[in-house]
Protein backbone atom coordinates (compact mmCIF):
# COMPACT_ATOMS: atom_id res chain seq x y z
CA MET A 1 -66.89 -67.46 -46.03
CA THR A 2 -65.69 -64.24 -46.30
CA LEU A 3 -67.37 -62.72 -43.36
CA LEU A 4 -65.07 -65.25 -41.44
CA PRO A 5 -62.18 -63.27 -41.70
CA VAL A 6 -63.76 -59.91 -41.18
CA LEU A 7 -65.53 -61.62 -37.49
CA LEU A 8 -61.94 -62.45 -36.15
CA LEU A 9 -60.34 -58.83 -37.15
CA LEU A 10 -63.20 -57.05 -35.25
CA ALA A 11 -62.66 -59.49 -32.11
CA ALA A 12 -59.06 -58.55 -32.36
CA ALA A 13 -59.80 -54.88 -32.29
CA SER A 14 -62.55 -55.19 -29.50
CA PRO A 15 -61.71 -53.10 -26.21
CA ALA A 16 -61.23 -56.69 -24.48
CA ALA A 17 -58.72 -57.83 -27.03
CA LEU A 18 -57.10 -54.29 -26.21
CA GLY A 19 -57.20 -54.24 -23.00
CA ALA A 20 -54.79 -57.22 -22.67
CA PHE A 21 -50.87 -56.35 -21.91
CA ASP A 22 -47.80 -58.27 -20.03
CA VAL A 23 -45.98 -55.61 -17.80
CA ASN A 24 -43.44 -58.63 -17.84
CA GLN A 25 -42.70 -59.04 -21.11
CA MET A 26 -42.95 -55.09 -22.16
CA LEU A 27 -40.15 -54.51 -19.35
CA ALA A 28 -38.13 -57.29 -20.45
CA ASP A 29 -35.14 -56.72 -22.52
CA LYS A 30 -35.10 -53.05 -20.99
CA SER A 31 -32.38 -54.42 -18.35
CA GLN A 32 -32.40 -50.67 -16.92
CA TYR A 33 -35.16 -51.54 -15.23
CA GLY A 34 -34.23 -54.74 -13.84
CA SER A 35 -33.80 -54.43 -10.04
CA PHE A 36 -37.49 -52.45 -10.47
CA LEU A 37 -39.17 -55.57 -12.99
CA LYS A 38 -37.58 -58.38 -10.16
CA LEU A 39 -39.04 -56.18 -7.59
CA LEU A 40 -42.63 -55.72 -9.50
CA THR A 41 -43.21 -59.63 -9.82
CA GLN A 42 -41.47 -60.36 -6.58
CA THR A 43 -44.23 -58.57 -4.61
CA LYS A 44 -47.04 -59.51 -7.25
CA VAL A 45 -47.94 -55.98 -8.19
CA ALA A 46 -47.14 -56.94 -11.95
CA GLU A 47 -49.75 -59.98 -11.69
CA GLU A 48 -52.17 -57.13 -10.57
CA THR A 49 -51.38 -54.74 -13.21
CA ASN A 50 -52.27 -57.34 -15.74
CA GLN A 51 -55.23 -57.73 -14.60
CA LEU A 52 -55.99 -53.63 -14.72
CA LYS A 53 -58.22 -52.81 -17.93
CA SER A 54 -56.46 -50.13 -18.47
CA ALA A 55 -52.99 -48.32 -16.05
CA SER A 56 -49.61 -46.20 -16.25
CA LEU A 57 -46.26 -47.56 -14.59
CA LEU A 58 -43.94 -45.29 -13.85
CA VAL A 59 -40.38 -47.41 -13.40
CA LEU A 60 -37.52 -46.02 -11.74
CA GLN A 61 -33.76 -47.12 -13.47
CA ASP A 62 -31.95 -49.51 -10.82
CA LYS A 63 -29.74 -46.36 -9.76
CA ALA A 64 -32.71 -45.18 -8.65
CA MET A 65 -33.91 -47.83 -6.91
CA LYS A 66 -32.53 -47.67 -3.01
CA PRO A 67 -35.30 -46.53 -1.54
CA ILE A 68 -37.41 -48.39 -2.86
CA THR A 69 -35.22 -52.30 -1.70
CA SER A 70 -33.90 -50.98 1.12
CA LEU A 71 -37.60 -50.94 2.87
CA PRO A 72 -39.51 -53.86 4.40
CA ALA A 73 -40.87 -56.70 2.27
CA ASP A 74 -44.26 -55.54 3.57
CA LYS A 75 -43.71 -51.90 2.78
CA GLN A 76 -42.05 -52.84 -0.72
CA ARG A 77 -45.39 -53.79 -1.88
CA MET A 78 -46.90 -50.98 -1.17
CA ALA A 79 -44.81 -48.69 -2.70
CA MET A 80 -44.51 -50.76 -5.70
CA ALA A 81 -48.01 -50.74 -5.79
CA ASN A 82 -47.88 -46.35 -5.75
CA HIS A 83 -45.86 -46.53 -9.16
CA VAL A 84 -49.17 -48.24 -10.76
CA LEU A 85 -51.91 -45.48 -12.04
CA LEU A 86 -55.70 -47.00 -12.29
CA LYS A 87 -55.97 -45.59 -15.80
CA TYR A 88 -54.08 -45.10 -19.30
CA PHE A 89 -51.91 -41.37 -19.05
CA ASP A 90 -49.53 -40.23 -21.59
CA PRO A 91 -47.44 -36.66 -21.63
CA ILE A 92 -49.79 -35.70 -24.34
CA GLN A 93 -52.73 -36.36 -22.10
CA LEU A 94 -51.30 -34.89 -18.74
CA GLY A 95 -50.06 -32.16 -21.02
CA GLU A 96 -53.66 -31.28 -21.97
CA MET A 97 -55.00 -31.39 -18.36
CA LYS A 98 -57.19 -28.48 -17.80
CA ASP A 99 -55.76 -28.16 -14.53
CA ARG A 100 -52.07 -27.91 -13.96
CA THR A 101 -52.45 -29.91 -10.83
CA ALA A 102 -54.16 -33.56 -10.53
CA MET A 103 -54.45 -36.27 -7.85
CA LEU A 104 -53.97 -39.54 -9.89
CA PRO A 105 -55.01 -43.52 -7.86
CA THR A 106 -52.85 -45.65 -7.76
CA LEU A 107 -52.93 -49.79 -7.27
CA LEU A 108 -51.92 -48.80 -3.41
CA SER A 109 -55.50 -47.65 -3.20
CA ASN A 110 -57.24 -50.87 -3.30
CA THR A 111 -56.31 -50.98 -0.05
CA ASP A 112 -55.22 -47.85 1.48
CA LYS A 113 -57.64 -45.03 -0.40
CA LYS A 114 -55.45 -42.47 1.79
CA LEU A 115 -51.83 -43.55 0.74
CA GLY A 116 -52.64 -44.58 -2.84
CA VAL A 117 -52.48 -41.50 -4.67
CA VAL A 118 -50.33 -39.26 -6.42
CA ASN A 119 -49.71 -35.60 -6.64
CA TYR A 120 -49.35 -34.47 -10.45
CA THR A 121 -48.30 -31.10 -11.35
CA LYS A 122 -46.97 -29.30 -14.34
CA ALA A 123 -44.66 -26.33 -13.88
CA SER A 124 -44.60 -23.02 -15.79
CA ASP A 125 -41.75 -24.28 -17.88
CA GLY A 126 -43.43 -27.73 -18.75
CA GLN A 127 -41.75 -29.81 -16.84
CA MET A 128 -44.34 -32.61 -15.13
CA TYR A 129 -43.40 -33.51 -11.90
CA LEU A 130 -45.34 -36.61 -9.50
CA GLY A 131 -45.26 -36.63 -5.18
CA ALA A 132 -47.02 -38.86 -2.74
CA PRO A 133 -48.96 -37.27 -0.06
CA GLY A 134 -47.31 -34.82 2.66
CA ALA A 135 -43.99 -35.63 0.15
CA ALA A 136 -42.06 -33.43 -2.37
CA CYS A 137 -43.46 -33.52 -5.99
CA VAL A 138 -40.18 -33.52 -7.56
CA ALA A 139 -40.24 -36.89 -9.30
CA LYS A 140 -39.21 -35.93 -12.81
CA LEU A 141 -41.50 -37.75 -15.34
CA VAL A 142 -38.89 -38.08 -17.87
CA LYS A 143 -40.29 -40.62 -20.56
CA VAL A 144 -42.11 -42.46 -22.32
CA VAL A 145 -40.57 -46.33 -22.12
CA ALA A 146 -43.16 -48.70 -23.80
CA ALA A 147 -47.30 -48.11 -24.53
CA ARG A 148 -50.21 -49.53 -25.95
CA PRO A 149 -52.85 -46.56 -26.49
CA TYR A 150 -55.72 -47.42 -24.18
CA ALA A 151 -54.27 -49.86 -21.99
CA ILE A 152 -50.92 -49.27 -20.64
CA SER A 153 -48.39 -46.55 -20.37
CA ILE A 154 -44.70 -47.47 -19.18
CA MET A 155 -43.40 -44.07 -18.35
CA GLU A 156 -40.24 -43.47 -16.29
CA VAL A 157 -39.46 -40.90 -13.07
CA SER A 158 -36.37 -40.24 -12.18
CA GLU A 159 -37.11 -40.84 -8.68
CA ALA A 160 -39.36 -43.55 -5.93
CA ILE A 161 -43.06 -41.64 -5.23
CA LEU A 162 -43.26 -42.61 -1.56
CA PRO A 163 -45.28 -41.24 0.91
CA PRO A 164 -43.66 -40.03 4.47
CA ALA A 165 -45.02 -43.70 6.36
CA LEU A 166 -43.09 -45.70 3.12
CA GLY A 167 -39.54 -42.99 3.54
CA GLY A 168 -40.32 -40.19 1.16
CA SER A 169 -39.22 -37.50 2.16
CA GLY A 170 -41.33 -34.41 3.67
CA GLY A 171 -42.21 -30.87 2.48
CA PRO A 172 -43.86 -29.31 -0.14
CA GLY A 173 -41.49 -30.01 -3.10
CA ARG A 174 -41.73 -27.69 -6.09
CA ARG A 175 -45.30 -27.38 -7.19
CA ALA A 176 -46.46 -25.24 -10.71
CA LYS A 177 -49.25 -22.73 -10.30
CA GLY A 178 -52.85 -23.74 -11.01
CA GLY A 179 -55.94 -25.26 -9.39
CA LYS A 180 -56.59 -28.56 -8.10
CA GLY A 181 -57.35 -31.45 -10.94
CA LYS A 182 -59.05 -35.03 -9.40
CA VAL A 183 -58.93 -37.99 -12.16
CA LYS A 184 -60.92 -41.01 -11.42
CA PRO A 185 -59.33 -43.93 -11.20
CA LYS A 186 -61.83 -45.27 -15.18
CA SER A 187 -62.67 -43.93 -17.37
CA SER A 188 -65.82 -44.58 -19.27
CA ASP A 189 -66.13 -45.74 -22.78
CA ALA A 190 -67.01 -42.36 -23.63
CA ASP A 191 -63.87 -40.65 -22.76
CA GLU A 192 -61.71 -43.36 -24.12
CA ALA A 193 -63.41 -42.87 -27.47
CA ALA A 194 -62.96 -38.71 -26.78
CA ALA A 195 -59.43 -39.63 -26.27
CA LYS A 196 -56.57 -38.54 -28.83
CA PRO A 197 -54.34 -41.48 -29.51
CA ALA A 198 -50.76 -41.55 -27.97
CA THR A 199 -48.40 -40.82 -30.59
CA GLU A 200 -45.85 -42.60 -29.06
CA PRO A 201 -44.79 -46.33 -28.33
CA LYS A 202 -41.58 -46.18 -27.97
CA ALA A 203 -38.71 -44.38 -25.36
CA THR A 204 -39.37 -40.74 -26.00
CA ASP A 205 -37.96 -37.69 -23.74
CA VAL A 206 -40.24 -36.08 -21.97
CA PRO A 207 -39.92 -31.84 -23.31
CA LYS A 208 -38.19 -30.13 -20.48
């Protein structure tokens, strides 16, 4: 009789249970991201994101959405998919990377491996930047909006991350010194077990 509650708790704490998330629900009460959420839902990218084992969603405030909303419908879907990283990240994990730069695969890589990647770089002042290949790496990581370690992280960026093929501006942009690194789309169970717990599920500014 006493074993049943214990089994239920173990089931609730299983990786499958911890991995389930709903980005629509997590952003529903955050009106500043209303346009982003609307387009995320319309393009079905929200549905695809919710089916991932783990992910990091890079959101934009309404005032920064014009570069995406002005695109044709098919390119809007590609642009939104490029704002979904295929692994859980938070500022702590990004800041503790061995290399100061890395290539982070996005949901867009499922259909376009060449475009479906985001360049990450950490400047000497600690500010973190993101950008698409061939475009300026100037989108600042602003803050953590919401998170469920190690399932989903929602982080605000200052501007859209678009490759030139989707309207992104060309140029090397601002980059930090350091070597090149590559992060695989999915982490192993051993990696997840070794990872440090994220400390901030609420909106938190990224140190500048």
